[in-house]
């Protein structure tokens, strides 16, 4: 049986009391949400939108209370917008602008891009060197994937035995500052046996990066079927700290909700500033150790559970 972290001062109940206090006693409270496996359900056939009705209702509750909703994700804008558009249509009605619902700061591509509240566009936080290297690396990786016409772009990395199949999305489905390599498999939070296979891909790509003299980028295994190539010295927690220092966001009045290993440092930074952290049930153990509250349910249903407890306490 999974053990639930006991927090100083009363455990899970104390965690909810802290989160409720942030909502009620700070001047501009905000939620900052991870997307994949946090408010977005794991991939399942027949569930194209991949969000639960309870998740939409929880977002509606936050919105109706005048609390901003931001995002902190490794995803690129092209990945974010179809999903949040579907959510906004469900919550606010047909043809709703997704950024009317997600009206806080959006940190995308692992911190490399930022969209401020009220802004109409994303801003780069990286230089041209990263973007040039990204394209050079993409061209080389494309040559390293052995693909047959029947596989719709999916193939195996040349010389890498016993690994997962991979796919390099086309340029229209890549990040503005980052590169993604899709891996055929499940999230390591539910299928830990894929961890070794995913890291084989990462090591292969890192050898290519070294051979090309790539110096501005690093490889990051997201653990959910995506290897991301991202600029060095950029991350969600770094960018969030920068935005806090410039008073664009206030981490002391923010509640972060996440699930993955890439959420841990951001969660710690928010707690250091006095903010709150929610870990959904499918979160990695390290994030649960940081969290003020750990949900009983996974992903979006767990998120909805936490919101219900906060607003009904």
Protein backbone atom coordinates (compact mmCIF):
# COMPACT_ATOMS: atom_id res chain seq x y z
CA UNK A 1 0.00 0.00 0.00
CA UNK A 2 1.26 3.46 -0.90
CA UNK A 3 2.23 5.60 2.06
CA UNK A 4 0.95 9.16 2.14
CA UNK A 5 3.34 11.80 3.28
CA UNK A 6 2.58 13.13 6.77
CA UNK A 7 3.22 16.88 6.85
CA UNK A 8 4.28 18.73 9.91
CA UNK A 9 1.28 20.26 11.60
CA UNK A 10 -1.42 17.74 10.72
CA UNK A 11 -0.75 15.93 7.45
CA UNK A 12 -3.08 16.16 4.47
CA UNK A 13 -5.62 18.30 6.33
CA UNK A 14 -2.94 20.85 7.16
CA UNK A 15 -1.97 20.89 3.51
CA UNK A 16 -5.51 21.76 2.44
CA UNK A 17 -5.67 24.46 5.12
CA UNK A 18 -2.47 26.02 3.77
CA UNK A 19 -3.76 25.94 0.16
CA UNK A 20 -7.10 27.43 1.23
CA UNK A 21 -5.28 30.18 3.11
CA UNK A 22 -3.33 31.09 -0.05
CA UNK A 23 -6.59 31.42 -1.97
CA UNK A 24 -8.37 33.45 0.71
CA UNK A 25 -5.66 35.64 2.20
CA UNK A 26 -3.38 36.66 -0.68
CA UNK A 27 -4.20 39.60 -2.92
CA UNK A 28 -3.75 37.88 -6.31
CA UNK A 29 -3.88 34.10 -5.92
CA UNK A 30 -3.05 31.97 -8.94
CA UNK A 31 -2.90 28.36 -10.01
CA UNK A 32 0.01 27.19 -12.17
CA UNK A 33 -0.68 23.86 -13.85
CA UNK A 34 1.39 21.23 -15.56
CA UNK A 35 -0.51 19.61 -18.44
CA UNK A 36 0.41 16.03 -19.35
CA UNK A 37 -0.82 13.50 -16.78
CA UNK A 38 -1.80 16.38 -14.47
CA UNK A 39 -4.88 17.97 -16.02
CA UNK A 40 -4.57 15.97 -19.23
CA UNK A 41 -5.46 12.30 -18.97
CA UNK A 42 -3.03 9.59 -20.12
CA UNK A 43 -3.42 8.61 -23.76
CA UNK A 44 -6.39 6.32 -24.34
CA UNK A 45 -8.16 5.21 -27.51
CA UNK A 46 -11.50 6.93 -28.01
CA UNK A 47 -10.66 9.91 -25.78
CA UNK A 48 -9.43 12.57 -28.24
CA UNK A 49 -9.79 15.57 -25.92
CA UNK A 50 -8.23 13.67 -23.04
CA UNK A 51 -9.76 15.62 -20.18
CA UNK A 52 -12.38 14.58 -17.66
CA UNK A 53 -15.61 16.47 -17.11
CA UNK A 54 -14.63 16.88 -13.43
CA UNK A 55 -11.45 18.65 -14.55
CA UNK A 56 -13.46 21.12 -16.62
CA UNK A 57 -15.79 21.80 -13.68
CA UNK A 58 -12.82 22.41 -11.39
CA UNK A 59 -11.34 24.93 -13.84
CA UNK A 60 -14.74 26.62 -14.07
CA UNK A 61 -14.82 26.95 -10.27
CA UNK A 62 -11.40 28.59 -10.23
CA UNK A 63 -12.34 30.94 -13.07
CA UNK A 64 -15.65 31.96 -11.50
CA UNK A 65 -13.80 32.91 -8.32
CA UNK A 66 -11.60 35.34 -10.27
CA UNK A 67 -8.40 33.36 -9.72
CA UNK A 68 -5.92 33.29 -12.59
CA UNK A 69 -4.87 30.01 -14.17
CA UNK A 70 -1.39 29.70 -15.62
CA UNK A 71 0.58 26.87 -17.19
CA UNK A 72 4.10 25.52 -16.75
CA UNK A 73 4.89 22.78 -19.24
CA UNK A 74 7.54 21.22 -21.44
CA UNK A 75 5.10 21.39 -24.34
CA UNK A 76 5.27 23.76 -27.29
CA UNK A 77 2.41 26.17 -28.09
CA UNK A 78 1.16 23.92 -30.93
CA UNK A 79 0.75 21.11 -28.39
CA UNK A 80 -0.83 23.30 -25.72
CA UNK A 81 -3.43 25.20 -27.70
CA UNK A 82 -5.69 22.44 -29.12
CA UNK A 83 -6.06 20.97 -25.64
CA UNK A 84 -6.73 24.21 -23.77
CA UNK A 85 -9.04 25.36 -26.59
CA UNK A 86 -11.17 22.25 -26.07
CA UNK A 87 -11.22 22.91 -22.34
CA UNK A 88 -12.12 26.58 -22.81
CA UNK A 89 -14.99 25.66 -25.14
CA UNK A 90 -16.33 23.24 -22.54
CA UNK A 91 -15.99 25.70 -19.65
CA UNK A 92 -16.83 29.03 -21.29
CA UNK A 93 -18.83 28.09 -24.38
CA UNK A 94 -18.32 27.79 -28.13
CA UNK A 95 -15.44 29.71 -29.72
CA UNK A 96 -14.05 30.80 -26.38
CA UNK A 97 -10.50 32.11 -26.43
CA UNK A 98 -8.41 29.52 -24.55
CA UNK A 99 -6.43 32.31 -22.92
CA UNK A 100 -9.61 33.73 -21.41
CA UNK A 101 -9.68 30.61 -19.24
CA UNK A 102 -5.92 30.17 -18.95
CA UNK A 103 -5.46 33.86 -18.23
CA UNK A 104 -2.25 33.67 -16.20
CA UNK A 105 1.35 33.44 -17.32
CA UNK A 106 2.12 30.49 -19.60
CA UNK A 107 5.61 29.01 -19.34
CA UNK A 108 6.14 26.74 -22.35
CA UNK A 109 8.89 24.55 -23.79
CA UNK A 110 10.41 23.99 -20.38
CA UNK A 111 10.91 27.69 -19.73
CA UNK A 112 12.24 28.71 -23.16
CA UNK A 113 9.03 30.54 -24.08
CA UNK A 114 6.74 32.76 -22.01
CA UNK A 115 3.33 34.22 -22.71
CA UNK A 116 2.39 36.91 -20.23
CA UNK A 117 -1.18 37.51 -19.12
CA UNK A 118 -3.01 39.69 -21.67
CA UNK A 119 -0.22 39.18 -24.23
CA UNK A 120 -1.06 37.82 -27.68
CA UNK A 121 2.25 36.10 -28.35
CA UNK A 122 5.01 34.01 -26.84
CA UNK A 123 8.44 35.53 -26.23
CA UNK A 124 11.77 33.74 -26.64
CA UNK A 125 14.09 33.50 -23.66
CA UNK A 126 16.90 31.85 -25.68
CA UNK A 127 19.34 33.03 -28.33
CA UNK A 128 19.85 32.08 -31.97
CA UNK A 129 22.63 29.60 -31.12
CA UNK A 130 20.12 27.20 -29.59
CA UNK A 131 17.78 27.48 -32.55
CA UNK A 132 20.55 26.85 -35.10
CA UNK A 133 21.80 23.81 -33.21
CA UNK A 134 18.26 22.50 -32.88
CA UNK A 135 17.84 22.42 -36.64
CA UNK A 136 21.24 20.83 -37.22
CA UNK A 137 20.43 18.12 -34.72
CA UNK A 138 16.97 17.51 -36.23
CA UNK A 139 18.51 16.96 -39.66
CA UNK A 140 20.98 14.44 -38.28
CA UNK A 141 18.44 12.50 -36.19
CA UNK A 142 16.17 12.20 -39.22
CA UNK A 143 19.00 10.36 -40.97
CA UNK A 144 19.41 8.01 -37.98
CA UNK A 145 15.81 6.73 -37.96
CA UNK A 146 15.20 3.71 -40.17
CA UNK A 147 11.59 4.07 -41.37
CA UNK A 148 9.49 2.09 -43.84
CA UNK A 149 6.69 3.74 -45.80
CA UNK A 150 4.09 1.75 -43.87
CA UNK A 151 5.22 3.04 -40.48
CA UNK A 152 3.99 6.65 -40.80
CA UNK A 153 7.31 8.09 -39.71
CA UNK A 154 7.90 5.63 -36.87
CA UNK A 155 11.11 3.65 -36.96
CA UNK A 156 14.13 2.40 -35.04
CA UNK A 157 17.35 4.25 -34.40
CA UNK A 158 20.11 2.78 -36.53
CA UNK A 159 22.30 0.43 -34.50
CA UNK A 160 20.22 0.69 -31.32
CA UNK A 161 18.86 -2.75 -30.54
CA UNK A 162 16.09 -3.59 -28.05
CA UNK A 163 14.84 -0.02 -27.77
CA UNK A 164 11.49 1.59 -28.47
CA UNK A 165 10.47 2.89 -31.87
CA UNK A 166 10.78 6.64 -32.30
CA UNK A 167 9.44 9.37 -34.53
CA UNK A 168 10.71 12.83 -35.34
CA UNK A 169 7.71 15.15 -35.75
CA UNK A 170 7.81 17.45 -38.75
CA UNK A 171 8.83 21.10 -38.43
CA UNK A 172 5.22 22.25 -37.99
CA UNK A 173 4.95 20.04 -34.91
CA UNK A 174 8.21 21.03 -33.26
CA UNK A 175 8.82 23.64 -30.62
CA UNK A 176 9.98 27.14 -31.44
CA UNK A 177 13.06 26.73 -29.28
CA UNK A 178 13.08 22.98 -28.56
CA UNK A 179 13.12 19.67 -30.39
CA UNK A 180 10.94 16.66 -29.53
CA UNK A 181 11.50 13.01 -30.36
CA UNK A 182 8.44 10.86 -29.76
CA UNK A 183 8.96 7.41 -28.23
CA UNK A 184 6.49 4.55 -28.60
CA UNK A 185 5.53 3.59 -25.07
CA UNK A 186 3.84 4.53 -21.83
CA UNK A 187 4.56 6.90 -18.97
CA UNK A 188 7.25 5.59 -16.65
CA UNK A 189 5.02 6.52 -13.69
CA UNK A 190 2.67 3.66 -14.65
CA UNK A 191 5.07 1.46 -16.66
CA UNK A 192 8.53 1.80 -15.06
CA UNK A 193 9.88 -0.91 -17.37
CA UNK A 194 10.02 1.72 -20.14
CA UNK A 195 12.51 3.85 -18.23
CA UNK A 196 15.56 1.89 -19.40
CA UNK A 197 14.33 1.84 -23.01
CA UNK A 198 13.70 5.58 -23.02
CA UNK A 199 17.11 6.32 -21.57
CA UNK A 200 18.72 4.22 -24.30
CA UNK A 201 17.26 6.70 -26.76
CA UNK A 202 18.53 9.63 -24.71
CA UNK A 203 22.06 8.22 -24.58
CA UNK A 204 22.01 7.61 -28.34
CA UNK A 205 20.94 11.19 -29.03
CA UNK A 206 23.51 12.58 -26.59
CA UNK A 207 26.26 10.76 -28.53
CA UNK A 208 25.03 12.44 -31.72
CA UNK A 209 24.99 15.82 -29.98
CA UNK A 210 28.58 15.31 -28.86
CA UNK A 211 29.68 14.31 -32.38
CA UNK A 212 28.06 17.47 -33.80
CA UNK A 213 29.65 19.73 -31.20
CA UNK A 214 26.27 20.82 -29.83
CA UNK A 215 26.96 23.14 -26.89
CA UNK A 216 23.77 25.16 -26.32
CA UNK A 217 21.37 22.21 -25.93
CA UNK A 218 20.78 19.27 -23.62
CA UNK A 219 18.59 16.15 -23.82
CA UNK A 220 15.80 15.70 -21.28
CA UNK A 221 13.73 12.53 -20.94
CA UNK A 222 10.19 13.59 -20.02
CA UNK A 223 9.25 10.04 -19.06
CA UNK A 224 5.93 10.05 -20.92
CA UNK A 225 7.04 8.98 -24.38
CA UNK A 226 8.91 12.14 -25.37
CA UNK A 227 12.60 12.95 -25.41
CA UNK A 228 13.01 16.71 -25.46
CA UNK A 229 16.07 18.61 -26.62
CA UNK A 230 16.09 21.90 -24.74
CA UNK A 231 18.41 24.89 -24.28
CA UNK A 232 20.86 24.62 -21.41
CA UNK A 233 20.32 26.80 -18.33
CA UNK A 234 16.60 27.07 -19.08
CA UNK A 235 13.91 25.25 -17.12
CA UNK A 236 10.43 25.81 -15.75
CA UNK A 237 11.74 26.60 -12.28
CA UNK A 238 14.44 28.96 -13.58
CA UNK A 239 11.96 30.91 -15.69
CA UNK A 240 9.37 31.01 -12.89
CA UNK A 241 12.00 32.41 -10.53
CA UNK A 242 12.97 35.03 -13.09
CA UNK A 243 9.34 36.09 -13.57
CA UNK A 244 8.92 36.27 -9.79
CA UNK A 245 11.99 38.49 -9.43
CA UNK A 246 10.56 40.90 -12.02
CA UNK A 247 7.15 40.81 -10.25
CA UNK A 248 5.42 39.39 -13.30
CA UNK A 249 4.16 36.52 -11.15
CA UNK A 250 4.04 36.10 -7.38
CA UNK A 251 5.09 32.60 -6.37
CA UNK A 252 4.13 33.27 -2.74
CA UNK A 253 0.47 33.42 -3.77
CA UNK A 254 0.67 30.60 -6.32
CA UNK A 255 -0.44 26.98 -6.11
CA UNK A 256 1.36 24.60 -8.45
CA UNK A 257 -0.10 21.26 -9.57
CA UNK A 258 2.16 18.67 -11.18
CA UNK A 259 3.17 15.05 -11.55
CA UNK A 260 6.60 14.59 -13.12
CA UNK A 261 10.29 14.69 -12.27
CA UNK A 262 10.63 17.96 -14.16
CA UNK A 263 8.12 19.51 -11.73
CA UNK A 264 10.15 18.92 -8.57
CA UNK A 265 12.45 21.95 -8.70
CA UNK A 266 9.59 24.29 -9.58
CA UNK A 267 7.55 22.87 -6.69
CA UNK A 268 10.43 23.47 -4.29
CA UNK A 269 10.93 27.03 -5.52
CA UNK A 270 7.25 27.84 -5.04
CA UNK A 271 7.29 26.42 -1.52
CA UNK A 272 10.44 28.40 -0.68
CA UNK A 273 8.52 31.56 -1.59
CA UNK A 274 5.52 30.56 0.54
CA UNK A 275 3.30 29.15 -2.19
CA UNK A 276 1.60 25.74 -2.28
CA UNK A 277 2.05 22.47 -4.15
CA UNK A 278 -0.39 19.72 -5.11
CA UNK A 279 0.85 16.36 -6.41
CA UNK A 280 -1.67 14.18 -8.23
CA UNK A 281 -1.74 10.51 -7.21
CA UNK A 282 0.26 9.39 -10.25
CA UNK A 283 3.10 11.80 -9.44
CA UNK A 284 6.65 10.58 -8.90
CA UNK A 285 7.60 9.95 -5.28
CA UNK A 286 10.03 12.88 -5.15
CA UNK A 287 7.24 15.34 -5.98
CA UNK A 288 4.95 13.76 -3.39
CA UNK A 289 7.63 14.40 -0.78
CA UNK A 290 7.51 18.11 -1.65
CA UNK A 291 3.73 18.46 -1.95
CA UNK A 292 1.41 20.05 0.59
CA UNK A 293 -1.39 17.80 -0.59
CA UNK A 294 -1.35 14.47 -2.46
CA UNK A 295 -4.58 13.58 -4.24
CA UNK A 296 -6.24 10.19 -3.93
CA UNK A 297 -7.08 10.06 -7.64
CA UNK A 298 -4.81 10.42 -10.64
CA UNK A 299 -4.41 13.17 -13.23
CA UNK A 300 -7.35 15.49 -13.89
CA UNK A 301 -9.74 13.74 -11.51
CA UNK A 302 -7.16 14.14 -8.75
CA UNK A 303 -6.80 17.83 -9.65
CA UNK A 304 -10.60 18.21 -9.40
CA UNK A 305 -10.55 16.44 -6.04
CA UNK A 306 -8.04 18.95 -4.64
CA UNK A 307 -10.00 21.93 -5.99
CA UNK A 308 -13.18 20.63 -4.36
CA UNK A 309 -11.44 20.29 -1.00
CA UNK A 310 -9.91 23.77 -1.22
CA UNK A 311 -13.17 25.56 -2.04
CA UNK A 312 -15.31 23.51 0.34
CA UNK A 313 -13.06 23.60 3.39
